[in-house]
């Protein structure tokens, strides 16, 4: 059995690092979702139904992700002329 070089050990652990990083990101997303749930509950308790509904709708969009049309095609940058055309 031969000893692995440091480079080989790092190369073999790279996929594990990616998994750990991805798991940490997902845990953060769950934490943010729990926080938003608490905000929505507090708004309902305060009788602010419209604002609570907005929070719930935001959570639903987070869960669903972007629509397929938005995910597949990048949004072109808005230019001054295109924004003015929409206003008139």
N, C-alpha and C. Protein backbone atom coordinates (compact mmCIF):
# COMPACT_ATOMS: atom_id res chain seq x y z
N UNK A 1 0.84 -1.18 0.00
CA UNK A 1 0.00 0.00 0.00
C UNK A 1 0.89 1.24 0.00
N UNK A 2 0.64 2.13 -0.92
CA UNK A 2 1.47 3.33 -1.02
C UNK A 2 0.77 4.51 -0.34
N UNK A 3 1.58 5.45 0.08
CA UNK A 3 1.04 6.66 0.70
C UNK A 3 0.58 7.62 -0.39
N UNK A 4 -0.54 8.23 -0.16
CA UNK A 4 -1.07 9.20 -1.12
C UNK A 4 -0.41 10.55 -0.90
N UNK A 5 -0.18 11.23 -1.97
CA UNK A 5 0.36 12.58 -1.84
C UNK A 5 -0.75 13.51 -1.36
N UNK A 6 -0.38 14.63 -0.84
CA UNK A 6 -1.35 15.63 -0.37
C UNK A 6 -2.27 16.03 -1.51
N UNK A 7 -1.71 16.19 -2.69
CA UNK A 7 -2.51 16.57 -3.85
C UNK A 7 -3.58 15.52 -4.14
N UNK A 8 -3.23 14.25 -4.06
CA UNK A 8 -4.18 13.18 -4.32
C UNK A 8 -5.28 13.14 -3.26
N UNK A 9 -4.90 13.36 -2.01
CA UNK A 9 -5.89 13.38 -0.93
C UNK A 9 -6.87 14.54 -1.16
N UNK A 10 -6.35 15.70 -1.50
CA UNK A 10 -7.22 16.85 -1.76
C UNK A 10 -8.13 16.60 -2.94
N UNK A 11 -7.60 15.98 -3.99
CA UNK A 11 -8.39 15.69 -5.18
C UNK A 11 -9.53 14.73 -4.85
N UNK A 12 -9.24 13.74 -4.02
CA UNK A 12 -10.27 12.77 -3.66
C UNK A 12 -11.33 13.37 -2.73
N UNK A 13 -10.96 14.36 -1.95
CA UNK A 13 -11.90 14.98 -1.01
C UNK A 13 -12.71 16.12 -1.64
N UNK A 14 -12.35 16.56 -2.82
CA UNK A 14 -13.05 17.67 -3.46
C UNK A 14 -14.55 17.41 -3.60
N UNK A 15 -14.98 16.22 -4.06
CA UNK A 15 -16.43 15.99 -4.14
C UNK A 15 -17.13 16.08 -2.78
N UNK A 16 -16.44 15.65 -1.73
CA UNK A 16 -17.02 15.75 -0.39
C UNK A 16 -17.17 17.21 0.03
N UNK A 17 -16.20 18.03 -0.33
CA UNK A 17 -16.28 19.46 -0.03
C UNK A 17 -17.47 20.08 -0.74
N UNK A 18 -17.70 19.68 -1.99
CA UNK A 18 -18.84 20.20 -2.75
C UNK A 18 -20.15 19.79 -2.10
N UNK A 19 -20.23 18.56 -1.64
CA UNK A 19 -21.45 18.08 -0.97
C UNK A 19 -21.67 18.85 0.32
N UNK A 20 -20.60 19.06 1.08
CA UNK A 20 -20.72 19.79 2.34
C UNK A 20 -21.17 21.23 2.09
N UNK A 21 -20.60 21.86 1.09
CA UNK A 21 -20.96 23.24 0.75
C UNK A 21 -22.42 23.31 0.31
N UNK A 22 -22.84 22.36 -0.52
CA UNK A 22 -24.23 22.33 -0.97
C UNK A 22 -25.19 22.10 0.18
N UNK A 23 -24.82 21.21 1.09
CA UNK A 23 -25.68 20.94 2.25
C UNK A 23 -25.81 22.18 3.12
N UNK A 24 -24.71 22.90 3.31
CA UNK A 24 -24.75 24.11 4.13
C UNK A 24 -25.65 25.17 3.49
N UNK A 25 -25.61 25.28 2.17
CA UNK A 25 -26.48 26.23 1.47
C UNK A 25 -27.95 25.85 1.66
N UNK A 26 -28.26 24.56 1.54
CA UNK A 26 -29.66 24.11 1.71
C UNK A 26 -30.14 24.36 3.13
N UNK A 27 -29.28 24.11 4.12
CA UNK A 27 -29.65 24.36 5.51
C UNK A 27 -29.96 25.84 5.70
N UNK A 28 -29.16 26.70 5.09
CA UNK A 28 -29.42 28.14 5.17
C UNK A 28 -30.76 28.51 4.55
N UNK A 29 -31.09 27.87 3.42
CA UNK A 29 -32.38 28.14 2.77
C UNK A 29 -33.54 27.71 3.66
N UNK A 30 -33.39 26.57 4.32
CA UNK A 30 -34.45 26.10 5.23
C UNK A 30 -34.60 27.08 6.39
N UNK A 31 -33.50 27.58 6.91
CA UNK A 31 -33.55 28.56 7.99
C UNK A 31 -34.27 29.83 7.57
N UNK A 32 -33.99 30.30 6.35
CA UNK A 32 -34.67 31.50 5.85
C UNK A 32 -36.17 31.24 5.65
N UNK A 33 -36.52 30.04 5.19
CA UNK A 33 -37.93 29.70 5.02
C UNK A 33 -38.65 29.68 6.37
N UNK A 34 -38.00 29.13 7.38
CA UNK A 34 -38.60 29.09 8.72
C UNK A 34 -38.79 30.51 9.26
N UNK A 35 -37.82 31.38 9.00
CA UNK A 35 -37.93 32.76 9.45
C UNK A 35 -39.12 33.44 8.76
N UNK A 36 -39.27 33.22 7.46
CA UNK A 36 -40.38 33.83 6.72
C UNK A 36 -41.72 33.30 7.23
N UNK A 37 -41.76 32.03 7.57
CA UNK A 37 -42.99 31.44 8.12
C UNK A 37 -43.37 32.17 9.41
N UNK A 38 -42.38 32.43 10.25
CA UNK A 38 -42.64 33.16 11.49
C UNK A 38 -43.14 34.57 11.23
N UNK A 39 -42.57 35.22 10.23
CA UNK A 39 -43.02 36.56 9.86
C UNK A 39 -44.47 36.51 9.40
N UNK A 40 -44.80 35.54 8.55
CA UNK A 40 -46.17 35.42 8.06
C UNK A 40 -47.14 35.18 9.21
N UNK A 41 -46.78 34.32 10.15
CA UNK A 41 -47.65 34.05 11.30
C UNK A 41 -47.85 35.31 12.14
N UNK A 42 -46.79 36.07 12.33
CA UNK A 42 -46.90 37.30 13.12
C UNK A 42 -47.79 38.32 12.41
N UNK A 43 -47.67 38.41 11.09
CA UNK A 43 -48.52 39.33 10.34
C UNK A 43 -49.99 38.93 10.43
N UNK A 44 -50.27 37.63 10.35
CA UNK A 44 -51.65 37.16 10.50
C UNK A 44 -52.16 37.50 11.89
N UNK A 45 -51.34 37.26 12.91
CA UNK A 45 -51.75 37.55 14.29
C UNK A 45 -52.04 39.04 14.47
N UNK A 46 -51.34 39.88 13.72
CA UNK A 46 -51.55 41.33 13.81
C UNK A 46 -52.68 41.80 12.90
N UNK A 47 -53.30 40.87 12.18
CA UNK A 47 -54.41 41.23 11.30
C UNK A 47 -53.99 41.81 9.97
N UNK A 48 -52.72 41.69 9.63
CA UNK A 48 -52.22 42.23 8.36
C UNK A 48 -52.23 41.12 7.31
N UNK A 49 -53.43 40.73 6.91
CA UNK A 49 -53.62 39.59 6.03
C UNK A 49 -52.96 39.78 4.67
N UNK A 50 -53.06 40.98 4.10
CA UNK A 50 -52.49 41.19 2.76
C UNK A 50 -50.97 41.05 2.78
N UNK A 51 -50.33 41.58 3.80
CA UNK A 51 -48.87 41.45 3.89
C UNK A 51 -48.46 40.01 4.15
N UNK A 52 -49.24 39.31 4.98
CA UNK A 52 -48.95 37.90 5.25
C UNK A 52 -49.08 37.08 3.97
N UNK A 53 -50.10 37.38 3.18
CA UNK A 53 -50.28 36.67 1.91
C UNK A 53 -49.09 36.92 0.99
N UNK A 54 -48.58 38.14 0.98
CA UNK A 54 -47.40 38.44 0.17
C UNK A 54 -46.19 37.61 0.58
N UNK A 55 -46.00 37.44 1.88
CA UNK A 55 -44.88 36.62 2.38
C UNK A 55 -45.07 35.17 1.95
N UNK A 56 -46.31 34.67 2.09
CA UNK A 56 -46.58 33.28 1.70
C UNK A 56 -46.37 33.09 0.20
N UNK A 57 -46.79 34.06 -0.60
CA UNK A 57 -46.58 33.96 -2.05
C UNK A 57 -45.10 33.98 -2.39
N UNK A 58 -44.31 34.79 -1.67
CA UNK A 58 -42.86 34.79 -1.88
C UNK A 58 -42.26 33.42 -1.55
N UNK A 59 -42.75 32.82 -0.47
CA UNK A 59 -42.26 31.49 -0.09
C UNK A 59 -42.62 30.46 -1.16
N UNK A 60 -43.81 30.60 -1.72
CA UNK A 60 -44.23 29.67 -2.77
C UNK A 60 -43.32 29.81 -3.99
N UNK A 61 -42.97 31.06 -4.35
CA UNK A 61 -42.07 31.27 -5.49
C UNK A 61 -40.68 30.70 -5.20
N UNK A 62 -40.23 30.83 -3.95
CA UNK A 62 -38.93 30.24 -3.58
C UNK A 62 -38.98 28.73 -3.76
N UNK A 63 -40.08 28.13 -3.35
CA UNK A 63 -40.22 26.67 -3.43
C UNK A 63 -40.26 26.21 -4.88
N UNK A 64 -41.05 26.91 -5.70
CA UNK A 64 -41.23 26.50 -7.10
C UNK A 64 -40.02 26.82 -7.96
N UNK A 65 -39.26 27.83 -7.61
CA UNK A 65 -38.15 28.25 -8.45
C UNK A 65 -38.66 29.13 -9.58
N UNK A 66 -37.76 29.60 -10.43
CA UNK A 66 -38.19 30.48 -11.52
C UNK A 66 -39.00 29.70 -12.55
N UNK A 67 -39.92 30.37 -13.24
CA UNK A 67 -40.66 29.70 -14.31
C UNK A 67 -39.71 29.18 -15.37
N UNK A 68 -40.11 28.15 -16.08
CA UNK A 68 -39.25 27.52 -17.08
C UNK A 68 -38.79 28.53 -18.12
N UNK A 69 -39.66 29.45 -18.50
CA UNK A 69 -39.28 30.44 -19.52
C UNK A 69 -38.18 31.36 -19.01
N UNK A 70 -38.21 31.72 -17.72
CA UNK A 70 -37.17 32.57 -17.15
C UNK A 70 -35.88 31.80 -16.94
N UNK A 71 -35.98 30.54 -16.58
CA UNK A 71 -34.79 29.75 -16.29
C UNK A 71 -33.99 29.43 -17.54
N UNK A 72 -34.67 29.29 -18.68
CA UNK A 72 -33.98 28.86 -19.89
C UNK A 72 -33.43 30.02 -20.72
N UNK A 73 -34.05 31.19 -20.63
CA UNK A 73 -33.58 32.32 -21.42
C UNK A 73 -33.20 33.46 -20.50
N UNK A 74 -32.01 34.00 -20.69
CA UNK A 74 -31.60 35.12 -19.85
C UNK A 74 -32.43 36.36 -20.17
N UNK A 75 -32.69 37.17 -19.16
CA UNK A 75 -33.44 38.40 -19.35
C UNK A 75 -32.52 39.44 -19.96
N UNK A 76 -32.94 40.05 -21.09
CA UNK A 76 -32.09 41.07 -21.69
C UNK A 76 -32.06 42.30 -20.79
N UNK A 77 -30.93 42.99 -20.75
CA UNK A 77 -30.86 44.19 -19.92
C UNK A 77 -31.82 45.25 -20.44
N UNK A 78 -32.42 45.99 -19.51
CA UNK A 78 -33.35 47.04 -19.91
C UNK A 78 -32.55 48.26 -20.33
N UNK A 79 -32.87 48.77 -21.48
CA UNK A 79 -32.20 49.98 -21.97
C UNK A 79 -33.11 51.16 -21.72
N UNK A 80 -32.56 52.33 -21.82
CA UNK A 80 -33.34 53.54 -21.61
C UNK A 80 -34.47 53.64 -22.62
N UNK A 81 -34.20 53.32 -23.87
CA UNK A 81 -35.23 53.44 -24.90
C UNK A 81 -36.36 52.45 -24.68
N UNK A 82 -36.05 51.22 -24.24
CA UNK A 82 -37.11 50.24 -24.03
C UNK A 82 -37.94 50.60 -22.81
N UNK A 83 -37.33 51.18 -21.78
CA UNK A 83 -38.10 51.56 -20.60
C UNK A 83 -38.98 52.76 -20.90
N UNK A 84 -38.51 53.68 -21.75
CA UNK A 84 -39.32 54.83 -22.12
C UNK A 84 -40.48 54.41 -23.00
N UNK A 85 -40.27 53.42 -23.86
CA UNK A 85 -41.33 52.96 -24.75
C UNK A 85 -42.47 52.35 -23.94
N UNK A 86 -42.16 51.69 -22.86
CA UNK A 86 -43.19 51.08 -22.02
C UNK A 86 -43.99 52.13 -21.27
N UNK A 87 -43.38 53.28 -20.99
CA UNK A 87 -44.06 54.32 -20.25
C UNK A 87 -45.04 55.11 -21.11
N UNK A 88 -44.82 55.14 -22.42
CA UNK A 88 -45.66 55.97 -23.31
C UNK A 88 -46.71 55.18 -23.98
